[in-house]
Protein backbone atom coordinates (compact mmCIF):
# COMPACT_ATOMS: atom_id res chain seq x y z
CA UNK A 1 110.64 122.12 116.56
CA UNK A 2 113.36 120.70 114.34
CA UNK A 3 114.22 117.07 113.62
CA UNK A 4 116.56 115.37 116.09
CA UNK A 5 117.20 112.32 113.93
CA UNK A 6 120.13 110.76 112.32
CA UNK A 7 120.58 111.63 108.61
CA UNK A 8 118.80 109.17 106.23
CA UNK A 9 120.73 106.94 103.94
CA UNK A 10 119.73 105.42 100.51
CA UNK A 11 119.23 102.18 102.24
CA UNK A 12 116.02 103.67 103.34
CA UNK A 13 113.59 103.10 100.58
CA UNK A 14 111.91 106.47 101.00
CA UNK A 15 115.21 108.24 100.41
CA UNK A 16 116.58 105.99 97.62
CA UNK A 17 116.54 108.73 95.09
CA UNK A 18 117.15 111.79 97.25
CA UNK A 19 120.13 114.14 96.91
CA UNK A 20 121.59 113.34 100.31
CA UNK A 21 124.36 115.92 100.04
CA UNK A 22 121.61 118.63 99.76
CA UNK A 23 119.76 116.96 102.51
CA UNK A 24 122.78 117.13 104.89
CA UNK A 25 122.94 120.91 104.44
CA UNK A 26 119.42 121.52 105.71
CA UNK A 27 118.65 118.54 108.00
CA UNK A 28 119.26 120.34 111.24
CA UNK A 29 116.99 123.08 110.25
CA UNK A 30 114.06 121.00 109.00
CA UNK A 31 110.99 121.35 111.10
CA UNK A 32 109.13 118.42 112.44
CA UNK A 33 106.02 117.38 110.38
CA UNK A 34 103.31 119.88 110.49
CA UNK A 35 100.28 118.32 112.04
CA UNK A 36 96.79 118.79 110.38
CA UNK A 37 93.64 117.35 111.96
CA UNK A 38 90.37 117.36 110.14
CA UNK A 39 87.50 117.00 112.57
CA UNK A 40 84.80 114.30 111.84
CA UNK A 41 82.41 115.37 109.02
CA UNK A 42 84.54 118.49 108.21
CA UNK A 43 86.55 119.36 105.05
CA UNK A 44 89.87 121.00 104.62
CA UNK A 45 91.88 122.30 101.73
CA UNK A 46 95.64 122.70 101.60
CA UNK A 47 98.00 124.23 99.01
CA UNK A 48 101.74 123.40 99.34
CA UNK A 49 104.33 124.87 96.93
CA UNK A 50 108.07 124.48 97.23
CA UNK A 51 109.40 127.86 96.04
CA UNK A 52 112.93 129.16 95.56
CA UNK A 53 115.76 128.15 97.76
CA UNK A 54 118.96 125.81 97.38
CA UNK A 55 117.08 123.14 99.39
CA UNK A 56 113.67 122.96 100.76
CA UNK A 57 111.66 120.31 102.64
CA UNK A 58 108.09 120.23 103.81
CA UNK A 59 106.42 117.60 105.89
CA UNK A 60 102.83 117.12 106.86
CA UNK A 61 101.10 114.67 109.17
CA UNK A 62 97.44 114.56 108.29
CA UNK A 63 94.78 112.93 110.39
CA UNK A 64 91.31 112.58 108.98
CA UNK A 65 88.73 111.68 111.47
CA UNK A 66 85.48 109.81 110.56
CA UNK A 67 83.70 111.21 107.48
CA UNK A 68 86.28 113.96 106.99
CA UNK A 69 87.76 115.10 103.62
CA UNK A 70 91.09 116.59 102.79
CA UNK A 71 92.00 118.07 99.38
CA UNK A 72 95.73 118.79 98.85
CA UNK A 73 97.40 120.44 95.75
CA UNK A 74 101.20 120.44 95.90
CA UNK A 75 103.85 121.60 93.53
CA UNK A 76 107.70 121.25 93.51
CA UNK A 77 109.43 123.40 90.94
CA UNK A 78 111.91 125.94 92.25
CA UNK A 79 114.58 124.48 94.80
CA UNK A 80 117.79 122.91 93.76
CA UNK A 81 116.68 120.11 96.00
CA UNK A 82 112.97 119.87 97.19
CA UNK A 83 111.00 117.21 98.90
CA UNK A 84 107.27 117.17 99.90
CA UNK A 85 106.58 114.29 102.42
CA UNK A 86 102.98 113.54 103.61
CA UNK A 87 101.71 110.87 106.09
CA UNK A 88 97.94 110.61 106.17
CA UNK A 89 95.80 108.59 108.56
CA UNK A 90 92.31 107.93 107.20
CA UNK A 91 89.40 107.04 109.36
CA UNK A 92 86.19 105.35 108.44
CA UNK A 93 84.14 107.17 105.74
CA UNK A 94 86.93 109.73 105.22
CA UNK A 95 88.47 110.69 101.78
CA UNK A 96 91.92 112.00 100.82
CA UNK A 97 92.36 113.74 97.46
CA UNK A 98 95.76 114.84 96.34
CA UNK A 99 97.05 116.38 93.13
CA UNK A 100 100.79 116.86 92.81
CA UNK A 101 103.06 118.31 90.03
CA UNK A 102 106.85 118.26 89.72
CA UNK A 103 108.46 120.59 87.16
CA UNK A 104 112.27 120.41 87.02
CA UNK A 105 115.23 121.39 84.98
CA UNK A 106 119.04 121.81 85.13
CA UNK A 107 120.32 119.43 87.86
CA UNK A 108 117.35 119.74 90.23
CA UNK A 109 116.22 116.88 92.35
CA UNK A 110 112.45 117.14 93.28
CA UNK A 111 110.51 114.59 95.22
CA UNK A 112 106.98 114.00 96.41
CA UNK A 113 106.69 111.17 99.11
CA UNK A 114 103.33 109.96 100.46
CA UNK A 115 102.20 107.34 103.02
CA UNK A 116 98.50 106.81 103.24
CA UNK A 117 97.35 104.58 106.14
CA UNK A 118 93.89 103.22 105.81
CA UNK A 119 93.12 101.79 109.32
CA UNK A 120 89.35 101.81 109.32
CA UNK A 121 86.66 100.58 106.78
CA UNK A 122 84.65 102.34 104.10
CA UNK A 123 87.19 105.05 103.22
CA UNK A 124 88.71 106.42 100.04
CA UNK A 125 91.97 107.98 98.74
CA UNK A 126 92.98 109.22 95.30
CA UNK A 127 96.50 110.59 94.38
CA UNK A 128 97.36 111.98 90.89
CA UNK A 129 100.97 113.06 90.17
CA UNK A 130 102.32 114.61 87.02
CA UNK A 131 106.00 115.41 86.39
CA UNK A 132 107.69 117.26 83.48
CA UNK A 133 111.52 117.09 83.45
CA UNK A 134 114.14 118.74 81.33
CA UNK A 135 117.96 118.68 80.98
CA UNK A 136 119.47 116.69 83.88
CA UNK A 137 116.61 117.03 86.45
CA UNK A 138 115.43 114.12 88.50
CA UNK A 139 111.83 113.88 89.62
CA UNK A 140 110.44 111.19 92.03
CA UNK A 141 107.30 110.09 93.44
CA UNK A 142 107.26 107.37 96.11
CA UNK A 143 103.74 106.64 97.37
CA UNK A 144 102.79 103.84 99.77
CA UNK A 145 99.19 102.84 100.62
CA UNK A 146 98.74 100.53 103.78
CA UNK A 147 95.34 98.96 104.27
CA UNK A 148 94.86 97.33 107.78
CA UNK A 149 93.20 93.94 108.23
CA UNK A 150 89.98 95.49 109.66
CA UNK A 151 89.88 98.18 106.96
CA UNK A 152 87.50 96.60 104.45
CA UNK A 153 85.80 98.12 101.53
CA UNK A 154 88.55 100.61 100.92
CA UNK A 155 88.89 102.27 97.42
CA UNK A 156 92.39 103.72 96.96
CA UNK A 157 94.05 104.80 93.75
CA UNK A 158 97.42 106.26 92.64
CA UNK A 159 98.13 107.62 89.11
CA UNK A 160 101.73 108.63 88.39
CA UNK A 161 102.90 109.94 84.97
CA UNK A 162 106.17 111.50 83.95
CA UNK A 163 107.21 113.38 80.72
CA UNK A 164 110.86 113.59 79.79
CA UNK A 165 111.80 116.49 77.58
CA UNK A 166 115.51 115.65 77.41
CA UNK A 167 117.44 112.24 77.57
CA UNK A 168 119.48 113.45 80.41
CA UNK A 169 116.34 113.81 82.64
CA UNK A 170 115.33 110.99 85.12
CA UNK A 171 111.91 110.13 86.47
CA UNK A 172 111.36 107.63 89.30
CA UNK A 173 108.01 106.28 90.31
CA UNK A 174 107.34 103.74 93.07
CA UNK A 175 103.68 103.34 93.87
CA UNK A 176 103.32 100.60 96.54
CA UNK A 177 100.32 98.75 97.99
CA UNK A 178 100.45 96.85 101.40
CA UNK A 179 97.04 95.21 101.88
CA UNK A 180 95.90 93.10 104.67
CA UNK A 181 92.22 93.18 104.08
CA UNK A 182 90.38 91.08 101.57
CA UNK A 183 87.42 93.29 100.47
CA UNK A 184 89.15 96.25 98.76
CA UNK A 185 89.45 98.05 95.44
CA UNK A 186 93.00 99.30 94.91
CA UNK A 187 94.82 100.55 91.69
CA UNK A 188 98.18 102.11 90.90
CA UNK A 189 99.83 102.90 87.63
CA UNK A 190 103.07 104.54 86.71
CA UNK A 191 104.24 105.70 83.16
CA UNK A 192 107.29 107.51 81.85
CA UNK A 193 107.44 108.78 78.33
CA UNK A 194 108.15 111.59 75.93
CA UNK A 195 105.78 114.00 74.02
CA UNK A 196 103.66 112.00 71.38
CA UNK A 197 105.32 112.80 68.08
CA UNK A 198 102.20 111.74 66.14
CA UNK A 199 100.03 114.16 68.30
CA UNK A 200 102.52 117.03 67.60
CA UNK A 201 102.36 116.22 63.89
CA UNK A 202 98.63 116.26 64.02
CA UNK A 203 98.41 119.60 65.68
CA UNK A 204 100.94 121.07 63.26
CA UNK A 205 99.03 119.83 60.40
CA UNK A 206 96.08 121.84 61.70
CA UNK A 207 98.13 125.03 61.71
CA UNK A 208 99.74 125.20 65.08
CA UNK A 209 103.43 125.90 65.20
CA UNK A 210 105.60 123.15 66.91
CA UNK A 211 106.28 125.32 69.97
CA UNK A 212 102.66 126.14 70.51
CA UNK A 213 101.65 122.47 70.11
CA UNK A 214 104.26 121.41 72.68
CA UNK A 215 103.08 124.11 74.94
CA UNK A 216 99.52 123.05 74.92
CA UNK A 217 100.32 119.41 75.41
CA UNK A 218 102.47 120.16 78.44
CA UNK A 219 99.89 122.47 79.98
CA UNK A 220 97.09 119.79 79.56
CA UNK A 221 99.44 117.13 81.02
CA UNK A 222 100.18 118.97 84.16
CA UNK A 223 96.65 120.34 84.62
CA UNK A 224 95.37 116.79 84.86
CA UNK A 225 97.02 116.54 88.37
CA UNK A 226 94.42 119.11 89.77
CA UNK A 227 91.24 118.10 88.13
CA UNK A 228 89.71 116.21 90.94
CA UNK A 229 91.11 118.45 93.78
CA UNK A 230 88.15 120.43 95.39
CA UNK A 231 90.17 123.44 96.04
CA UNK A 232 91.06 126.75 94.59
CA UNK A 233 94.18 125.52 92.75
CA UNK A 234 94.46 128.49 90.29
CA UNK A 235 97.50 129.86 91.97
CA UNK A 236 99.39 126.45 92.02
CA UNK A 237 98.41 125.85 88.37
CA UNK A 238 99.67 129.34 87.39
CA UNK A 239 103.06 128.69 89.04
CA UNK A 240 103.21 125.26 87.43
CA UNK A 241 102.60 126.63 83.99
CA UNK A 242 105.08 129.48 84.46
CA UNK A 243 107.66 126.91 85.41
CA UNK A 244 106.73 124.95 82.21
CA UNK A 245 107.19 128.00 80.11
CA UNK A 246 110.82 128.37 81.34
CA UNK A 247 111.48 124.89 79.96
CA UNK A 248 110.26 125.74 76.49
């Protein structure tokens, strides 16, 4: 079933950084969000990769029932415009773990958008996103965590870091917390930077040529996104590293 909704505008916060001209070309063909229900006490793993195409968009609506766990690894690297959009409802005792990577170059616009809804107590969520952007690419992460009034003792975290390889590249990060409960542990952080020149110099002083040193640092940076994901992410990491190689 495809979306029967009006086109979004940049007045909508979740679409502020999107390439709306590209969105318009695919909007009528975009499928409705894919439903995923993880039954109480069960675990599920999901790998989501946006591969080649002029414009691609994938949407998931995940429901974690009591005591369930979902591990999601996602990567956006190939489309001219790509968007991964995830809505998650987290029940009591459930856990959501996400590792995401964006690798962009040229004039690509790539986005990961998440909305995590903690509506019950004693649950956890952890999101890690790493972006590497070159030339005039734009990479965005917009992540909102909502904690309902009765959802006490929630532990939720977002970690977002972006690496710019060229001055024409753009990184947008908008982690957001909306908390109505008073007994919670929540944290979010977002940084945008360049490769550490001192670290590159140190590695060069130990005999590594500059290109190899740059490659190692970028590989380690992107691999951070998948460290805590309890899934076989080898294929996703291989594609991310191959995309990085194209930037070097």
